[in-house]
């Protein structure tokens, strides 16, 4: 289980391990939380009270203090796993669903012809369609795209990172995902 870290304004920053979240709780670094307690850490007996120590963690925490520069990144890093999830593991040319091992990153405008390795120039394609298109533009290969590429928002990027997301976390993230996002369907 991971904890979703936000800045104090509610902007997602990172996924934290339980241990990393516990350090923030213990150092009074948590400004506010969202969701029901999802994990309880139990420690020894407190010397002052004689009671067992207990730390209740929430699925979403807002952290006090300065925000790391990575939180302000406008365009999420492009990776094959995130690209495949964005495109729902569908080939953008034939429309068939594949496992990650049957998919490739396809450049609409090939990099050898000046195309960028970017969210707006990359789609998911099966190996057969990628091979068929080769080093051509889709029109030259007489292949059409079934859906268009887009740059994921910060909230979508947190979903695309492939974590096991708890219901409270997914509800929070989806509330800020654009209505037309493929992650909503």
Protein backbone atom coordinates (compact mmCIF):
# COMPACT_ATOMS: atom_id res chain seq x y z
CA UNK A 1 0.00 0.00 0.00
CA UNK A 2 1.23 3.49 -0.84
CA UNK A 3 0.11 6.86 0.48
CA UNK A 4 -0.67 9.72 -1.92
CA UNK A 5 1.30 12.82 -0.95
CA UNK A 6 -0.15 16.25 -1.75
CA UNK A 7 1.15 19.75 -1.19
CA UNK A 8 -0.92 21.93 1.16
CA UNK A 9 -2.95 23.25 -1.78
CA UNK A 10 -4.04 19.70 -2.68
CA UNK A 11 -1.79 19.16 -5.70
CA UNK A 12 -0.43 15.58 -6.00
CA UNK A 13 3.31 15.28 -5.48
CA UNK A 14 4.32 11.65 -5.06
CA UNK A 15 3.49 8.15 -3.89
CA UNK A 16 5.02 7.40 -0.49
CA UNK A 17 5.74 4.10 1.19
CA UNK A 18 4.13 3.50 4.59
CA UNK A 19 7.53 4.09 6.21
CA UNK A 20 8.00 7.45 4.42
CA UNK A 21 4.48 8.53 5.44
CA UNK A 22 5.11 7.48 9.05
CA UNK A 23 8.19 9.72 9.18
CA UNK A 24 6.07 12.68 8.04
CA UNK A 25 3.43 11.94 10.68
CA UNK A 26 6.04 11.54 13.42
CA UNK A 27 7.82 14.78 12.48
CA UNK A 28 4.54 16.74 12.40
CA UNK A 29 4.89 17.21 8.64
CA UNK A 30 1.27 16.33 7.82
CA UNK A 31 -0.99 19.38 7.42
CA UNK A 32 -4.25 17.50 6.71
CA UNK A 33 -5.52 14.13 5.55
CA UNK A 34 -8.27 12.64 3.38
CA UNK A 35 -9.98 9.29 3.77
CA UNK A 36 -10.41 6.74 6.51
CA UNK A 37 -7.44 5.25 8.33
CA UNK A 38 -5.95 2.65 6.01
CA UNK A 39 -2.94 1.45 7.96
CA UNK A 40 -2.06 1.34 11.66
CA UNK A 41 1.52 1.08 12.90
CA UNK A 42 1.92 -0.21 16.44
CA UNK A 43 5.00 0.39 18.53
CA UNK A 44 6.17 -0.11 22.06
CA UNK A 45 4.67 1.19 25.28
CA UNK A 46 4.91 4.94 25.85
CA UNK A 47 6.94 5.68 28.94
CA UNK A 48 4.91 8.74 29.96
CA UNK A 49 1.41 7.22 29.65
CA UNK A 50 2.01 3.48 29.84
CA UNK A 51 -0.16 3.08 26.73
CA UNK A 52 0.93 1.28 23.56
CA UNK A 53 2.03 3.69 20.83
CA UNK A 54 -0.04 3.72 17.70
CA UNK A 55 0.18 5.70 14.44
CA UNK A 56 -2.87 5.76 12.15
CA UNK A 57 -2.09 6.50 8.50
CA UNK A 58 -4.54 7.90 5.96
CA UNK A 59 -4.49 7.13 2.22
CA UNK A 60 -3.97 10.80 1.29
CA UNK A 61 -1.83 13.29 3.19
CA UNK A 62 -1.01 16.94 2.56
CA UNK A 63 2.53 17.83 3.56
CA UNK A 64 3.63 21.09 5.18
CA UNK A 65 6.54 23.11 3.87
CA UNK A 66 8.19 23.73 0.53
CA UNK A 67 7.17 21.71 -2.48
CA UNK A 68 9.85 19.89 -4.46
CA UNK A 69 10.42 21.20 -7.98
CA UNK A 70 9.19 17.93 -9.52
CA UNK A 71 5.69 18.80 -8.29
CA UNK A 72 5.60 21.67 -10.77
CA UNK A 73 6.57 19.62 -13.78
CA UNK A 74 4.06 20.50 -16.48
CA UNK A 75 4.52 17.44 -18.67
CA UNK A 76 4.76 14.01 -16.99
CA UNK A 77 7.68 11.79 -17.94
CA UNK A 78 6.82 9.49 -20.86
CA UNK A 79 7.37 5.79 -20.19
CA UNK A 80 6.03 2.76 -22.03
CA UNK A 81 4.01 1.42 -19.09
CA UNK A 82 2.29 4.80 -18.58
CA UNK A 83 1.71 5.18 -22.34
CA UNK A 84 0.14 1.71 -22.56
CA UNK A 85 -2.18 2.45 -19.62
CA UNK A 86 -3.12 5.85 -21.08
CA UNK A 87 -4.14 4.07 -24.30
CA UNK A 88 -5.84 1.25 -22.31
CA UNK A 89 -3.52 -1.38 -23.86
CA UNK A 90 -5.24 -0.90 -27.22
CA UNK A 91 -3.42 -0.70 -30.53
CA UNK A 92 -4.23 2.72 -31.99
CA UNK A 93 -4.31 1.21 -35.49
CA UNK A 94 -6.15 -2.12 -35.27
CA UNK A 95 -8.01 -1.52 -32.00
CA UNK A 96 -7.12 -4.88 -30.45
CA UNK A 97 -6.18 -5.19 -26.77
CA UNK A 98 -2.77 -6.68 -25.89
CA UNK A 99 -0.65 -7.34 -22.82
CA UNK A 100 2.28 -5.01 -22.26
CA UNK A 101 4.68 -7.50 -23.85
CA UNK A 102 2.68 -7.37 -27.12
CA UNK A 103 2.76 -3.57 -27.37
CA UNK A 104 5.24 -0.99 -28.62
CA UNK A 105 5.68 2.76 -28.44
CA UNK A 106 4.75 4.00 -31.91
CA UNK A 107 5.83 7.43 -33.12
CA UNK A 108 3.16 8.91 -35.39
CA UNK A 109 5.85 10.99 -37.09
CA UNK A 110 8.91 8.71 -36.95
CA UNK A 111 11.87 10.09 -35.01
CA UNK A 112 14.07 9.50 -38.07
CA UNK A 113 11.83 12.01 -39.87
CA UNK A 114 11.98 14.64 -37.14
CA UNK A 115 9.19 13.38 -34.90
CA UNK A 116 9.50 14.01 -31.19
CA UNK A 117 9.51 11.35 -28.49
CA UNK A 118 6.59 13.04 -26.74
CA UNK A 119 3.09 12.29 -25.45
CA UNK A 120 1.55 14.07 -28.47
CA UNK A 121 3.57 12.07 -31.02
CA UNK A 122 3.40 8.65 -29.36
CA UNK A 123 0.64 6.09 -29.28
CA UNK A 124 0.39 2.43 -28.37
CA UNK A 125 0.64 -0.04 -31.25
CA UNK A 126 0.84 -3.81 -31.49
CA UNK A 127 4.04 -5.20 -32.93
CA UNK A 128 2.37 -6.17 -36.23
CA UNK A 129 0.92 -2.70 -36.85
CA UNK A 130 4.16 -1.01 -35.81
CA UNK A 131 6.08 -3.21 -38.26
CA UNK A 132 3.53 -2.57 -41.02
CA UNK A 133 3.70 1.21 -40.60
CA UNK A 134 7.50 1.11 -40.42
CA UNK A 135 9.23 4.44 -41.08
CA UNK A 136 6.23 6.11 -42.70
CA UNK A 137 3.52 8.53 -41.72
CA UNK A 138 0.14 6.88 -41.07
CA UNK A 139 -1.28 8.33 -44.31
CA UNK A 140 1.64 6.94 -46.32
CA UNK A 141 1.04 3.49 -44.82
CA UNK A 142 -2.74 3.86 -45.39
CA UNK A 143 -3.33 3.39 -41.66
CA UNK A 144 -5.57 5.62 -39.57
CA UNK A 145 -5.49 6.32 -35.89
CA UNK A 146 -8.52 5.10 -33.95
CA UNK A 147 -7.83 7.63 -31.18
CA UNK A 148 -5.62 10.67 -30.73
CA UNK A 149 -2.73 11.08 -28.31
CA UNK A 150 -2.87 13.57 -25.44
CA UNK A 151 -0.68 14.78 -22.59
CA UNK A 152 -1.89 13.39 -19.25
CA UNK A 153 -2.65 15.85 -16.47
CA UNK A 154 -0.80 15.66 -13.16
CA UNK A 155 -3.71 13.74 -11.62
CA UNK A 156 -3.81 11.30 -14.55
CA UNK A 157 -0.05 10.82 -14.24
CA UNK A 158 -0.45 9.73 -10.62
CA UNK A 159 -2.95 7.08 -11.81
CA UNK A 160 -0.75 6.01 -14.74
CA UNK A 161 2.20 5.22 -12.49
CA UNK A 162 0.82 1.72 -11.98
CA UNK A 163 0.28 1.71 -8.24
CA UNK A 164 -2.40 -0.26 -6.46
CA UNK A 165 -4.63 2.70 -5.79
CA UNK A 166 -7.09 2.62 -2.89
CA UNK A 167 -10.71 3.72 -3.46
CA UNK A 168 -10.26 7.01 -1.55
CA UNK A 169 -7.15 7.82 -3.58
CA UNK A 170 -8.83 7.00 -6.91
CA UNK A 171 -11.89 9.10 -6.05
CA UNK A 172 -9.63 12.04 -5.15
CA UNK A 173 -7.54 11.75 -8.32
CA UNK A 174 -10.47 11.17 -10.69
CA UNK A 175 -12.24 14.27 -9.37
CA UNK A 176 -9.60 16.39 -11.15
CA UNK A 177 -9.14 14.25 -14.27
CA UNK A 178 -10.53 15.96 -17.40
CA UNK A 179 -13.95 14.69 -18.50
CA UNK A 180 -12.64 13.40 -21.86
CA UNK A 181 -9.82 11.35 -20.37
CA UNK A 182 -9.60 7.70 -21.41
CA UNK A 183 -8.89 6.89 -17.74
CA UNK A 184 -12.52 7.68 -16.91
CA UNK A 185 -13.97 5.03 -19.24
